[in-house]
Amino acid sequence: LFSFVINALLLLCAAWISRLFGIGFYVNGFWPAFWGGLI
């Protein structure tokens, strides 16, 4: 089940990197990233 936490962290990281490239992809916190990674 810890793999879901890894998915959330990678999704948060992807949002951060995308903003560095000027792409406005926003994930507002760990729990939205957790559920987004699950979906």
PDB file of all heavy atoms in Angstrom:
ATOM      1  N   LEU A   1       0.812  -1.218   0.000  1.00  0.00           N
ATOM      2  CA  LEU A   1       0.000   0.000   0.000  1.00  0.00           C
ATOM      3  C   LEU A   1       0.847   1.270   0.000  1.00  0.00           C
ATOM      4  O   LEU A   1       0.368   2.334  -0.392  1.00  0.00           O
ATOM      5  CB  LEU A   1      -0.959   0.002   1.192  1.00  0.00           C
ATOM      6  CG  LEU A   1      -2.052  -1.069   1.150  1.00  0.00           C
ATOM      7  CD1 LEU A   1      -2.889  -1.009   2.406  1.00  0.00           C
ATOM      8  CD2 LEU A   1      -2.916  -0.908  -0.082  1.00  0.00           C
ATOM      9  N   PHE A   2       2.103   1.158   0.414  1.00  0.00           N
ATOM     10  CA  PHE A   2       2.980   2.321   0.392  1.00  0.00           C
ATOM     11  C   PHE A   2       3.239   2.795  -1.040  1.00  0.00           C
ATOM     12  O   PHE A   2       3.625   3.947  -1.249  1.00  0.00           O
ATOM     13  CB  PHE A   2       4.296   2.040   1.110  1.00  0.00           C
ATOM     14  CG  PHE A   2       5.115   3.263   1.361  1.00  0.00           C
ATOM     15  CD1 PHE A   2       4.749   4.166   2.340  1.00  0.00           C
ATOM     16  CD2 PHE A   2       6.243   3.528   0.606  1.00  0.00           C
ATOM     17  CE1 PHE A   2       5.491   5.317   2.570  1.00  0.00           C
ATOM     18  CE2 PHE A   2       6.992   4.667   0.823  1.00  0.00           C
ATOM     19  CZ  PHE A   2       6.616   5.565   1.804  1.00  0.00           C
ATOM     20  N   SER A   3       2.995   1.945  -2.019  1.00  0.00           N
ATOM     21  CA  SER A   3       3.169   2.363  -3.413  1.00  0.00           C
ATOM     22  C   SER A   3       2.212   3.496  -3.772  1.00  0.00           C
ATOM     23  O   SER A   3       2.520   4.314  -4.641  1.00  0.00           O
ATOM     24  CB  SER A   3       2.981   1.183  -4.363  1.00  0.00           C
ATOM     25  OG  SER A   3       1.660   0.700  -4.292  1.00  0.00           O
ATOM     26  N   PHE A   4       1.062   3.590  -3.091  1.00  0.00           N
ATOM     27  CA  PHE A   4       0.149   4.709  -3.328  1.00  0.00           C
ATOM     28  C   PHE A   4       0.756   6.024  -2.836  1.00  0.00           C
ATOM     29  O   PHE A   4       0.529   7.076  -3.439  1.00  0.00           O
ATOM     30  CB  PHE A   4      -1.205   4.467  -2.646  1.00  0.00           C
ATOM     31  CG  PHE A   4      -1.949   3.289  -3.206  1.00  0.00           C
ATOM     32  CD1 PHE A   4      -2.475   2.333  -2.367  1.00  0.00           C
ATOM     33  CD2 PHE A   4      -2.118   3.129  -4.568  1.00  0.00           C
ATOM     34  CE1 PHE A   4      -3.163   1.245  -2.874  1.00  0.00           C
ATOM     35  CE2 PHE A   4      -2.799   2.048  -5.092  1.00  0.00           C
ATOM     36  CZ  PHE A   4      -3.325   1.101  -4.245  1.00  0.00           C
ATOM     37  N   VAL A   5       1.529   5.960  -1.773  1.00  0.00           N
ATOM     38  CA  VAL A   5       2.225   7.147  -1.286  1.00  0.00           C
ATOM     39  C   VAL A   5       3.297   7.559  -2.294  1.00  0.00           C
ATOM     40  O   VAL A   5       3.467   8.747  -2.585  1.00  0.00           O
ATOM     41  CB  VAL A   5       2.840   6.888   0.109  1.00  0.00           C
ATOM     42  CG1 VAL A   5       3.712   8.046   0.552  1.00  0.00           C
ATOM     43  CG2 VAL A   5       1.751   6.606   1.128  1.00  0.00           C
ATOM     44  N   ILE A   6       3.993   6.581  -2.853  1.00  0.00           N
ATOM     45  CA  ILE A   6       4.999   6.870  -3.883  1.00  0.00           C
ATOM     46  C   ILE A   6       4.333   7.509  -5.098  1.00  0.00           C
ATOM     47  O   ILE A   6       4.850   8.475  -5.661  1.00  0.00           O
ATOM     48  CB  ILE A   6       5.779   5.591  -4.258  1.00  0.00           C
ATOM     49  CG1 ILE A   6       6.650   5.155  -3.084  1.00  0.00           C
ATOM     50  CG2 ILE A   6       6.622   5.807  -5.511  1.00  0.00           C
ATOM     51  CD1 ILE A   6       7.346   3.834  -3.281  1.00  0.00           C
ATOM     52  N   ASN A   7       3.165   6.995  -5.515  1.00  0.00           N
ATOM     53  CA  ASN A   7       2.428   7.590  -6.636  1.00  0.00           C
ATOM     54  C   ASN A   7       2.086   9.047  -6.347  1.00  0.00           C
ATOM     55  O   ASN A   7       2.220   9.911  -7.218  1.00  0.00           O
ATOM     56  CB  ASN A   7       1.140   6.818  -6.909  1.00  0.00           C
ATOM     57  CG  ASN A   7       1.378   5.478  -7.542  1.00  0.00           C
ATOM     58  OD1 ASN A   7       2.471   5.178  -7.990  1.00  0.00           O
ATOM     59  ND2 ASN A   7       0.351   4.655  -7.566  1.00  0.00           N
ATOM     60  N   ALA A   8       1.642   9.327  -5.121  1.00  0.00           N
ATOM     61  CA  ALA A   8       1.284  10.697  -4.752  1.00  0.00           C
ATOM     62  C   ALA A   8       2.508  11.604  -4.804  1.00  0.00           C
ATOM     63  O   ALA A   8       2.436  12.731  -5.323  1.00  0.00           O
ATOM     64  CB  ALA A   8       0.659  10.713  -3.359  1.00  0.00           C
ATOM     65  N   LEU A   9       3.626  11.135  -4.282  1.00  0.00           N
ATOM     66  CA  LEU A   9       4.846  11.939  -4.303  1.00  0.00           C
ATOM     67  C   LEU A   9       5.323  12.212  -5.727  1.00  0.00           C
ATOM     68  O   LEU A   9       5.769  13.325  -6.043  1.00  0.00           O
ATOM     69  CB  LEU A   9       5.946  11.254  -3.490  1.00  0.00           C
ATOM     70  CG  LEU A   9       5.684  11.125  -1.995  1.00  0.00           C
ATOM     71  CD1 LEU A   9       6.780  10.299  -1.326  1.00  0.00           C
ATOM     72  CD2 LEU A   9       5.557  12.489  -1.349  1.00  0.00           C
ATOM     73  N   LEU A  10       5.215  11.213  -6.601  1.00  0.00           N
ATOM     74  CA  LEU A  10       5.615  11.413  -7.992  1.00  0.00           C
ATOM     75  C   LEU A  10       4.676  12.381  -8.705  1.00  0.00           C
ATOM     76  O   LEU A  10       5.115  13.175  -9.549  1.00  0.00           O
ATOM     77  CB  LEU A  10       5.662  10.073  -8.725  1.00  0.00           C
ATOM     78  CG  LEU A  10       6.796   9.141  -8.300  1.00  0.00           C
ATOM     79  CD1 LEU A  10       6.697   7.809  -9.031  1.00  0.00           C
ATOM     80  CD2 LEU A  10       8.143   9.780  -8.553  1.00  0.00           C
ATOM     81  N   LEU A  11       3.384  12.340  -8.378  1.00  0.00           N
ATOM     82  CA  LEU A  11       2.437  13.271  -8.989  1.00  0.00           C
ATOM     83  C   LEU A  11       2.707  14.704  -8.514  1.00  0.00           C
ATOM     84  O   LEU A  11       2.659  15.641  -9.312  1.00  0.00           O
ATOM     85  CB  LEU A  11       1.006  12.850  -8.674  1.00  0.00           C
ATOM     86  CG  LEU A  11      -0.097  13.561  -9.456  1.00  0.00           C
ATOM     87  CD1 LEU A  11       0.096  13.379 -10.955  1.00  0.00           C
ATOM     88  CD2 LEU A  11      -1.454  13.032  -9.037  1.00  0.00           C
ATOM     89  N   LEU A  12       3.008  14.862  -7.239  1.00  0.00           N
ATOM     90  CA  LEU A  12       3.379  16.183  -6.732  1.00  0.00           C
ATOM     91  C   LEU A  12       4.658  16.688  -7.399  1.00  0.00           C
ATOM     92  O   LEU A  12       4.767  17.867  -7.753  1.00  0.00           O
ATOM     93  CB  LEU A  12       3.576  16.136  -5.214  1.00  0.00           C
ATOM     94  CG  LEU A  12       2.314  16.114  -4.368  1.00  0.00           C
ATOM     95  CD1 LEU A  12       2.658  15.811  -2.916  1.00  0.00           C
ATOM     96  CD2 LEU A  12       1.571  17.425  -4.489  1.00  0.00           C
ATOM     97  N   CYS A  13       5.611  15.799  -7.574  1.00  0.00           N
ATOM     98  CA  CYS A  13       6.864  16.157  -8.236  1.00  0.00           C
ATOM     99  C   CYS A  13       6.616  16.539  -9.700  1.00  0.00           C
ATOM    100  O   CYS A  13       7.201  17.499 -10.207  1.00  0.00           O
ATOM    101  CB  CYS A  13       7.848  15.000  -8.129  1.00  0.00           C
ATOM    102  SG  CYS A  13       9.503  15.377  -8.694  1.00  0.00           S
ATOM    103  N   ALA A  14       5.744  15.815 -10.375  1.00  0.00           N
ATOM    104  CA  ALA A  14       5.411  16.117 -11.772  1.00  0.00           C
ATOM    105  C   ALA A  14       4.743  17.487 -11.881  1.00  0.00           C
ATOM    106  O   ALA A  14       5.019  18.245 -12.821  1.00  0.00           O
ATOM    107  CB  ALA A  14       4.498  15.040 -12.350  1.00  0.00           C
ATOM    108  N   ALA A  15       3.889  17.818 -10.924  1.00  0.00           N
ATOM    109  CA  ALA A  15       3.249  19.140 -10.934  1.00  0.00           C
ATOM    110  C   ALA A  15       4.287  20.237 -10.743  1.00  0.00           C
ATOM    111  O   ALA A  15       4.245  21.270 -11.414  1.00  0.00           O
ATOM    112  CB  ALA A  15       2.175  19.199  -9.850  1.00  0.00           C
ATOM    113  N   TRP A  16       5.220  20.020  -9.837  1.00  0.00           N
ATOM    114  CA  TRP A  16       6.269  21.008  -9.587  1.00  0.00           C
ATOM    115  C   TRP A  16       7.151  21.197 -10.822  1.00  0.00           C
ATOM    116  O   TRP A  16       7.450  22.325 -11.225  1.00  0.00           O
ATOM    117  CB  TRP A  16       7.092  20.572  -8.377  1.00  0.00           C
ATOM    118  CG  TRP A  16       8.204  21.493  -8.054  1.00  0.00           C
ATOM    119  CD1 TRP A  16       8.118  22.733  -7.483  1.00  0.00           C
ATOM    120  CD2 TRP A  16       9.594  21.257  -8.295  1.00  0.00           C
ATOM    121  NE1 TRP A  16       9.372  23.279  -7.343  1.00  0.00           N
ATOM    122  CE2 TRP A  16      10.295  22.395  -7.834  1.00  0.00           C
ATOM    123  CE3 TRP A  16      10.313  20.198  -8.842  1.00  0.00           C
ATOM    124  CZ2 TRP A  16      11.673  22.494  -7.921  1.00  0.00           C
ATOM    125  CZ3 TRP A  16      11.683  20.310  -8.924  1.00  0.00           C
ATOM    126  CH2 TRP A  16      12.353  21.438  -8.472  1.00  0.00           C
ATOM    127  N   ILE A  17       7.559  20.085 -11.447  1.00  0.00           N
ATOM    128  CA  ILE A  17       8.412  20.159 -12.642  1.00  0.00           C
ATOM    129  C   ILE A  17       7.667  20.819 -13.796  1.00  0.00           C
ATOM    130  O   ILE A  17       8.236  21.615 -14.538  1.00  0.00           O
ATOM    131  CB  ILE A  17       8.928  18.756 -13.028  1.00  0.00           C
ATOM    132  CG1 ILE A  17       9.901  18.239 -11.976  1.00  0.00           C
ATOM    133  CG2 ILE A  17       9.592  18.777 -14.404  1.00  0.00           C
ATOM    134  CD1 ILE A  17      10.286  16.781 -12.157  1.00  0.00           C
ATOM    135  N   SER A  18       6.382  20.510 -13.946  1.00  0.00           N
ATOM    136  CA  SER A  18       5.622  21.097 -15.055  1.00  0.00           C
ATOM    137  C   SER A  18       5.529  22.616 -14.909  1.00  0.00           C
ATOM    138  O   SER A  18       5.561  23.341 -15.905  1.00  0.00           O
ATOM    139  CB  SER A  18       4.227  20.471 -15.143  1.00  0.00           C
ATOM    140  OG  SER A  18       3.418  20.887 -14.066  1.00  0.00           O
ATOM    141  N   ARG A  19       5.416  23.100 -13.691  1.00  0.00           N
ATOM    142  CA  ARG A  19       5.385  24.552 -13.480  1.00  0.00           C
ATOM    143  C   ARG A  19       6.739  25.188 -13.808  1.00  0.00           C
ATOM    144  O   ARG A  19       6.793  26.340 -14.245  1.00  0.00           O
ATOM    145  CB  ARG A  19       4.937  24.878 -12.066  1.00  0.00           C
ATOM    146  CG  ARG A  19       3.446  24.641 -11.868  1.00  0.00           C
ATOM    147  CD  ARG A  19       2.926  25.240 -10.590  1.00  0.00           C
ATOM    148  NE  ARG A  19       3.595  24.752  -9.392  1.00  0.00           N
ATOM    149  CZ  ARG A  19       3.264  23.650  -8.735  1.00  0.00           C
ATOM    150  NH1 ARG A  19       2.273  22.899  -9.162  1.00  0.00           N
ATOM    151  NH2 ARG A  19       3.923  23.293  -7.646  1.00  0.00           N
ATOM    152  N   LEU A  20       7.839  24.439 -13.626  1.00  0.00           N
ATOM    153  CA  LEU A  20       9.155  24.954 -14.022  1.00  0.00           C
ATOM    154  C   LEU A  20       9.242  25.159 -15.529  1.00  0.00           C
ATOM    155  O   LEU A  20       9.944  26.045 -16.014  1.00  0.00           O
ATOM    156  CB  LEU A  20      10.266  24.002 -13.573  1.00  0.00           C
ATOM    157  CG  LEU A  20      10.535  23.904 -12.077  1.00  0.00           C
ATOM    158  CD1 LEU A  20      11.621  22.865 -11.809  1.00  0.00           C
ATOM    159  CD2 LEU A  20      10.924  25.238 -11.495  1.00  0.00           C
ATOM    160  N   PHE A  21       8.525  24.323 -16.292  1.00  0.00           N
ATOM    161  CA  PHE A  21       8.499  24.432 -17.750  1.00  0.00           C
ATOM    162  C   PHE A  21       7.407  25.376 -18.243  1.00  0.00           C
ATOM    163  O   PHE A  21       7.187  25.493 -19.442  1.00  0.00           O
ATOM    164  CB  PHE A  21       8.304  23.053 -18.397  1.00  0.00           C
ATOM    165  CG  PHE A  21       9.531  22.191 -18.342  1.00  0.00           C
ATOM    166  CD1 PHE A  21       9.563  21.073 -17.539  1.00  0.00           C
ATOM    167  CD2 PHE A  21      10.652  22.502 -19.089  1.00  0.00           C
ATOM    168  CE1 PHE A  21      10.681  20.264 -17.482  1.00  0.00           C
ATOM    169  CE2 PHE A  21      11.782  21.710 -19.046  1.00  0.00           C
ATOM    170  CZ  PHE A  21      11.802  20.593 -18.231  1.00  0.00           C
ATOM    171  N   GLY A  22       6.710  26.021 -17.323  1.00  0.00           N
ATOM    172  CA  GLY A  22       5.673  26.968 -17.713  1.00  0.00           C
ATOM    173  C   GLY A  22       4.330  26.326 -18.002  1.00  0.00           C
ATOM    174  O   GLY A  22       3.440  26.980 -18.543  1.00  0.00           O
ATOM    175  N   ILE A  23       4.188  25.053 -17.684  1.00  0.00           N
ATOM    176  CA  ILE A  23       2.909  24.372 -17.856  1.00  0.00           C
ATOM    177  C   ILE A  23       2.196  24.445 -16.513  1.00  0.00           C
ATOM    178  O   ILE A  23       2.712  23.992 -15.499  1.00  0.00           O
ATOM    179  CB  ILE A  23       3.101  22.895 -18.264  1.00  0.00           C
ATOM    180  CG1 ILE A  23       3.944  22.794 -19.527  1.00  0.00           C
ATOM    181  CG2 ILE A  23       1.772  22.198 -18.412  1.00  0.00           C
ATOM    182  CD1 ILE A  23       3.334  23.399 -20.755  1.00  0.00           C
ATOM    183  N   GLY A  24       1.036  25.009 -16.493  1.00  0.00           N
ATOM    184  CA  GLY A  24       0.316  25.206 -15.243  1.00  0.00           C
ATOM    185  C   GLY A  24      -0.474  23.991 -14.812  1.00  0.00           C
ATOM    186  O   GLY A  24      -1.697  23.957 -14.943  1.00  0.00           O
ATOM    187  N   PHE A  25       0.207  22.973 -14.311  1.00  0.00           N
ATOM    188  CA  PHE A  25      -0.458  21.798 -13.754  1.00  0.00           C
ATOM    189  C   PHE A  25      -0.324  21.888 -12.247  1.00  0.00           C
ATOM    190  O   PHE A  25       0.782  21.916 -11.718  1.00  0.00           O
ATOM    191  CB  PHE A  25       0.186  20.514 -14.295  1.00  0.00           C
ATOM    192  CG  PHE A  25      -0.373  19.248 -13.700  1.00  0.00           C
ATOM    193  CD1 PHE A  25      -1.709  18.943 -13.799  1.00  0.00           C
ATOM    194  CD2 PHE A  25       0.462  18.356 -13.048  1.00  0.00           C
ATOM    195  CE1 PHE A  25      -2.216  17.781 -13.248  1.00  0.00           C
ATOM    196  CE2 PHE A  25      -0.032  17.184 -12.500  1.00  0.00           C
ATOM    197  CZ  PHE A  25      -1.379  16.900 -12.608  1.00  0.00           C
ATOM    198  N   TYR A  26      -1.452  21.944 -11.563  1.00  0.00           N
ATOM    199  CA  TYR A  26      -1.443  22.170 -10.123  1.00  0.00           C
ATOM    200  C   TYR A  26      -2.085  21.004  -9.385  1.00  0.00           C
ATOM    201  O   TYR A  26      -3.166  20.545  -9.750  1.00  0.00           O
ATOM    202  CB  TYR A  26      -2.205  23.458  -9.780  1.00  0.00           C
ATOM    203  CG  TYR A  26      -1.563  24.675 -10.367  1.00  0.00           C
ATOM    204  CD1 TYR A  26      -1.988  25.184 -11.591  1.00  0.00           C
ATOM    205  CD2 TYR A  26      -0.523  25.307  -9.714  1.00  0.00           C
ATOM    206  CE1 TYR A  26      -1.393  26.290 -12.139  1.00  0.00           C
ATOM    207  CE2 TYR A  26       0.082  26.426 -10.263  1.00  0.00           C
ATOM    208  CZ  TYR A  26      -0.357  26.909 -11.473  1.00  0.00           C
ATOM    209  OH  TYR A  26       0.246  28.003 -12.017  1.00  0.00           O
ATOM    210  N   VAL A  27      -1.403  20.547  -8.357  1.00  0.00           N
ATOM    211  CA  VAL A  27      -1.939  19.563  -7.423  1.00  0.00           C
ATOM    212  C   VAL A  27      -1.783  20.203  -6.050  1.00  0.00           C
ATOM    213  O   VAL A  27      -0.674  20.514  -5.626  1.00  0.00           O
ATOM    214  CB  VAL A  27      -1.172  18.223  -7.491  1.00  0.00           C
ATOM    215  CG1 VAL A  27      -1.740  17.233  -6.496  1.00  0.00           C
ATOM    216  CG2 VAL A  27      -1.220  17.654  -8.892  1.00  0.00           C
ATOM    217  N   ASN A  28      -2.901  20.392  -5.373  1.00  0.00           N
ATOM    218  CA  ASN A  28      -2.900  21.166  -4.134  1.00  0.00           C
ATOM    219  C   ASN A  28      -2.815  20.300  -2.893  1.00  0.00           C
ATOM    220  O   ASN A  28      -3.770  20.144  -2.157  1.00  0.00           O
ATOM    221  CB  ASN A  28      -4.150  22.051  -4.077  1.00  0.00           C
ATOM    222  CG  ASN A  28      -4.161  23.067  -5.186  1.00  0.00           C
ATOM    223  OD1 ASN A  28      -3.129  23.623  -5.507  1.00  0.00           O
ATOM    224  ND2 ASN A  28      -5.310  23.277  -5.795  1.00  0.00           N
ATOM    225  N   GLY A  29      -1.657  19.702  -2.669  1.00  0.00           N
ATOM    226  CA  GLY A  29      -1.419  18.968  -1.443  1.00  0.00           C
ATOM    227  C   GLY A  29      -1.291  17.469  -1.633  1.00  0.00           C
ATOM    228  O   GLY A  29      -1.462  16.933  -2.723  1.00  0.00           O
ATOM    229  N   PHE A  30      -0.976  16.819  -0.510  1.00  0.00           N
ATOM    230  CA  PHE A  30      -0.716  15.386  -0.552  1.00  0.00           C
ATOM    231  C   PHE A  30      -1.981  14.573  -0.849  1.00  0.00           C
ATOM    232  O   PHE A  30      -1.948  13.670  -1.678  1.00  0.00           O
ATOM    233  CB  PHE A  30      -0.109  14.913   0.772  1.00  0.00           C
ATOM    234  CG  PHE A  30       0.051  13.417   0.833  1.00  0.00           C
ATOM    235  CD1 PHE A  30       1.098  12.809   0.167  1.00  0.00           C
ATOM    236  CD2 PHE A  30      -0.863  12.624   1.511  1.00  0.00           C
ATOM    237  CE1 PHE A  30       1.247  11.430   0.188  1.00  0.00           C
ATOM    238  CE2 PHE A  30      -0.725  11.248   1.550  1.00  0.00           C
ATOM    239  CZ  PHE A  30       0.331  10.644   0.886  1.00  0.00           C
ATOM    240  N   TRP A  31      -3.089  14.857  -0.158  1.00  0.00           N
ATOM    241  CA  TRP A  31      -4.285  14.032  -0.349  1.00  0.00           C
ATOM    242  C   TRP A  31      -4.873  14.143  -1.747  1.00  0.00           C
ATOM    243  O   TRP A  31      -5.276  13.124  -2.330  1.00  0.00           O
ATOM    244  CB  TRP A  31      -5.320  14.311   0.742  1.00  0.00           C
ATOM    245  CG  TRP A  31      -4.856  13.737   2.045  1.00  0.00           C
ATOM    246  CD1 TRP A  31      -4.430  14.426   3.133  1.00  0.00           C
ATOM    247  CD2 TRP A  31      -4.700  12.343   2.360  1.00  0.00           C
ATOM    248  NE1 TRP A  31      -4.024  13.557   4.124  1.00  0.00           N
ATOM    249  CE2 TRP A  31      -4.188  12.270   3.672  1.00  0.00           C
ATOM    250  CE3 TRP A  31      -4.944  11.161   1.681  1.00  0.00           C
ATOM    251  CZ2 TRP A  31      -3.922  11.061   4.307  1.00  0.00           C
ATOM    252  CZ3 TRP A  31      -4.681   9.956   2.304  1.00  0.00           C
ATOM    253  CH2 TRP A  31      -4.176   9.914   3.600  1.00  0.00           C
ATOM    254  N   PRO A  32      -4.939  15.330  -2.349  1.00  0.00           N
ATOM    255  CA  PRO A  32      -5.349  15.369  -3.757  1.00  0.00           C
ATOM    256  C   PRO A  32      -4.393  14.580  -4.661  1.00  0.00           C
ATOM    257  O   PRO A  32      -4.827  13.912  -5.600  1.00  0.00           O
ATOM    258  CB  PRO A  32      -5.334  16.859  -4.094  1.00  0.00           C
ATOM    259  CG  PRO A  32      -5.592  17.525  -2.798  1.00  0.00           C
ATOM    260  CD  PRO A  32      -4.889  16.683  -1.776  1.00  0.00           C
ATOM    261  N   ALA A  33      -3.092  14.628  -4.352  1.00  0.00           N
ATOM    262  CA  ALA A  33      -2.124  13.849  -5.130  1.00  0.00           C
ATOM    263  C   ALA A  33      -2.334  12.355  -4.900  1.00  0.00           C
ATOM    264  O   ALA A  33      -2.204  11.548  -5.829  1.00  0.00           O
ATOM    265  CB  ALA A  33      -0.698  14.244  -4.759  1.00  0.00           C
ATOM    266  N   PHE A  34      -2.650  11.978  -3.677  1.00  0.00           N
ATOM    267  CA  PHE A  34      -2.905  10.573  -3.358  1.00  0.00           C
ATOM    268  C   PHE A  34      -4.084  10.052  -4.173  1.00  0.00           C
ATOM    269  O   PHE A  34      -3.987   9.010  -4.834  1.00  0.00           O
ATOM    270  CB  PHE A  34      -3.180  10.431  -1.856  1.00  0.00           C
ATOM    271  CG  PHE A  34      -3.485   9.025  -1.422  1.00  0.00           C
ATOM    272  CD1 PHE A  34      -2.453   8.150  -1.136  1.00  0.00           C
ATOM    273  CD2 PHE A  34      -4.792   8.579  -1.307  1.00  0.00           C
ATOM    274  CE1 PHE A  34      -2.719   6.850  -0.727  1.00  0.00           C
ATOM    275  CE2 PHE A  34      -5.069   7.286  -0.903  1.00  0.00           C
ATOM    276  CZ  PHE A  34      -4.030   6.416  -0.614  1.00  0.00           C
ATOM    277  N   TRP A  35      -5.211  10.766  -4.123  1.00  0.00           N
ATOM    278  CA  TRP A  35      -6.394  10.314  -4.866  1.00  0.00           C
ATOM    279  C   TRP A  35      -6.182  10.432  -6.376  1.00  0.00           C
ATOM    280  O   TRP A  35      -6.639   9.567  -7.137  1.00  0.00           O
ATOM    281  CB  TRP A  35      -7.629  11.089  -4.422  1.00  0.00           C
ATOM    282  CG  TRP A  35      -8.003  10.765  -3.011  1.00  0.00           C
ATOM    283  CD1 TRP A  35      -7.902  11.588  -1.934  1.00  0.00           C
ATOM    284  CD2 TRP A  35      -8.470   9.500  -2.519  1.00  0.00           C
ATOM    285  NE1 TRP A  35      -8.290  10.924  -0.801  1.00  0.00           N
ATOM    286  CE2 TRP A  35      -8.648   9.639  -1.124  1.00  0.00           C
ATOM    287  CE3 TRP A  35      -8.754   8.276  -3.101  1.00  0.00           C
ATOM    288  CZ2 TRP A  35      -9.097   8.602  -0.324  1.00  0.00           C
ATOM    289  CZ3 TRP A  35      -9.207   7.242  -2.302  1.00  0.00           C
ATOM    290  CH2 TRP A  35      -9.372   7.405  -0.937  1.00  0.00           C
ATOM    291  N   GLY A  36      -5.478  11.464  -6.810  1.00  0.00           N
ATOM    292  CA  GLY A  36      -5.173  11.597  -8.239  1.00  0.00           C
ATOM    293  C   GLY A  36      -4.280  10.475  -8.734  1.00  0.00           C
ATOM    294  O   GLY A  36      -4.505   9.914  -9.808  1.00  0.00           O
ATOM    295  N   GLY A  37      -3.274  10.122  -7.941  1.00  0.00           N
ATOM    296  CA  GLY A  37      -2.406   9.002  -8.309  1.00  0.00           C
ATOM    297  C   GLY A  37      -3.160   7.689  -8.360  1.00  0.00           C
ATOM    298  O   GLY A  37      -2.917   6.842  -9.221  1.00  0.00           O
ATOM    299  N   LEU A  38      -4.103   7.518  -7.440  1.00  0.00           N
ATOM    300  CA  LEU A  38      -4.922   6.310  -7.428  1.00  0.00           C
ATOM    301  C   LEU A  38      -5.787   6.229  -8.683  1.00  0.00           C
ATOM    302  O   LEU A  38      -5.873   5.174  -9.324  1.00  0.00           O
ATOM    303  CB  LEU A  38      -5.788   6.305  -6.167  1.00  0.00           C
ATOM    304  CG  LEU A  38      -6.496   5.024  -5.808  1.00  0.00           C
ATOM    305  CD1 LEU A  38      -5.497   3.933  -5.473  1.00  0.00           C
ATOM    306  CD2 LEU A  38      -7.428   5.261  -4.630  1.00  0.00           C
ATOM    307  N   ILE A  39      -6.396   7.343  -9.057  1.00  0.00           N
ATOM    308  CA  ILE A  39      -7.244   7.361 -10.258  1.00  0.00           C
ATOM    309  C   ILE A  39      -6.402   7.142 -11.511  1.00  0.00           C
ATOM    310  O   ILE A  39      -6.788   6.365 -12.400  1.00  0.00           O
ATOM    311  CB  ILE A  39      -8.031   8.684 -10.337  1.00  0.00           C
ATOM    312  CG1 ILE A  39      -9.028   8.768  -9.184  1.00  0.00           C
ATOM    313  CG2 ILE A  39      -8.757   8.804 -11.669  1.00  0.00           C
ATOM    314  CD1 ILE A  39      -9.667  10.138  -9.015  1.00  0.00           C
TER     315      ILE A  39
END
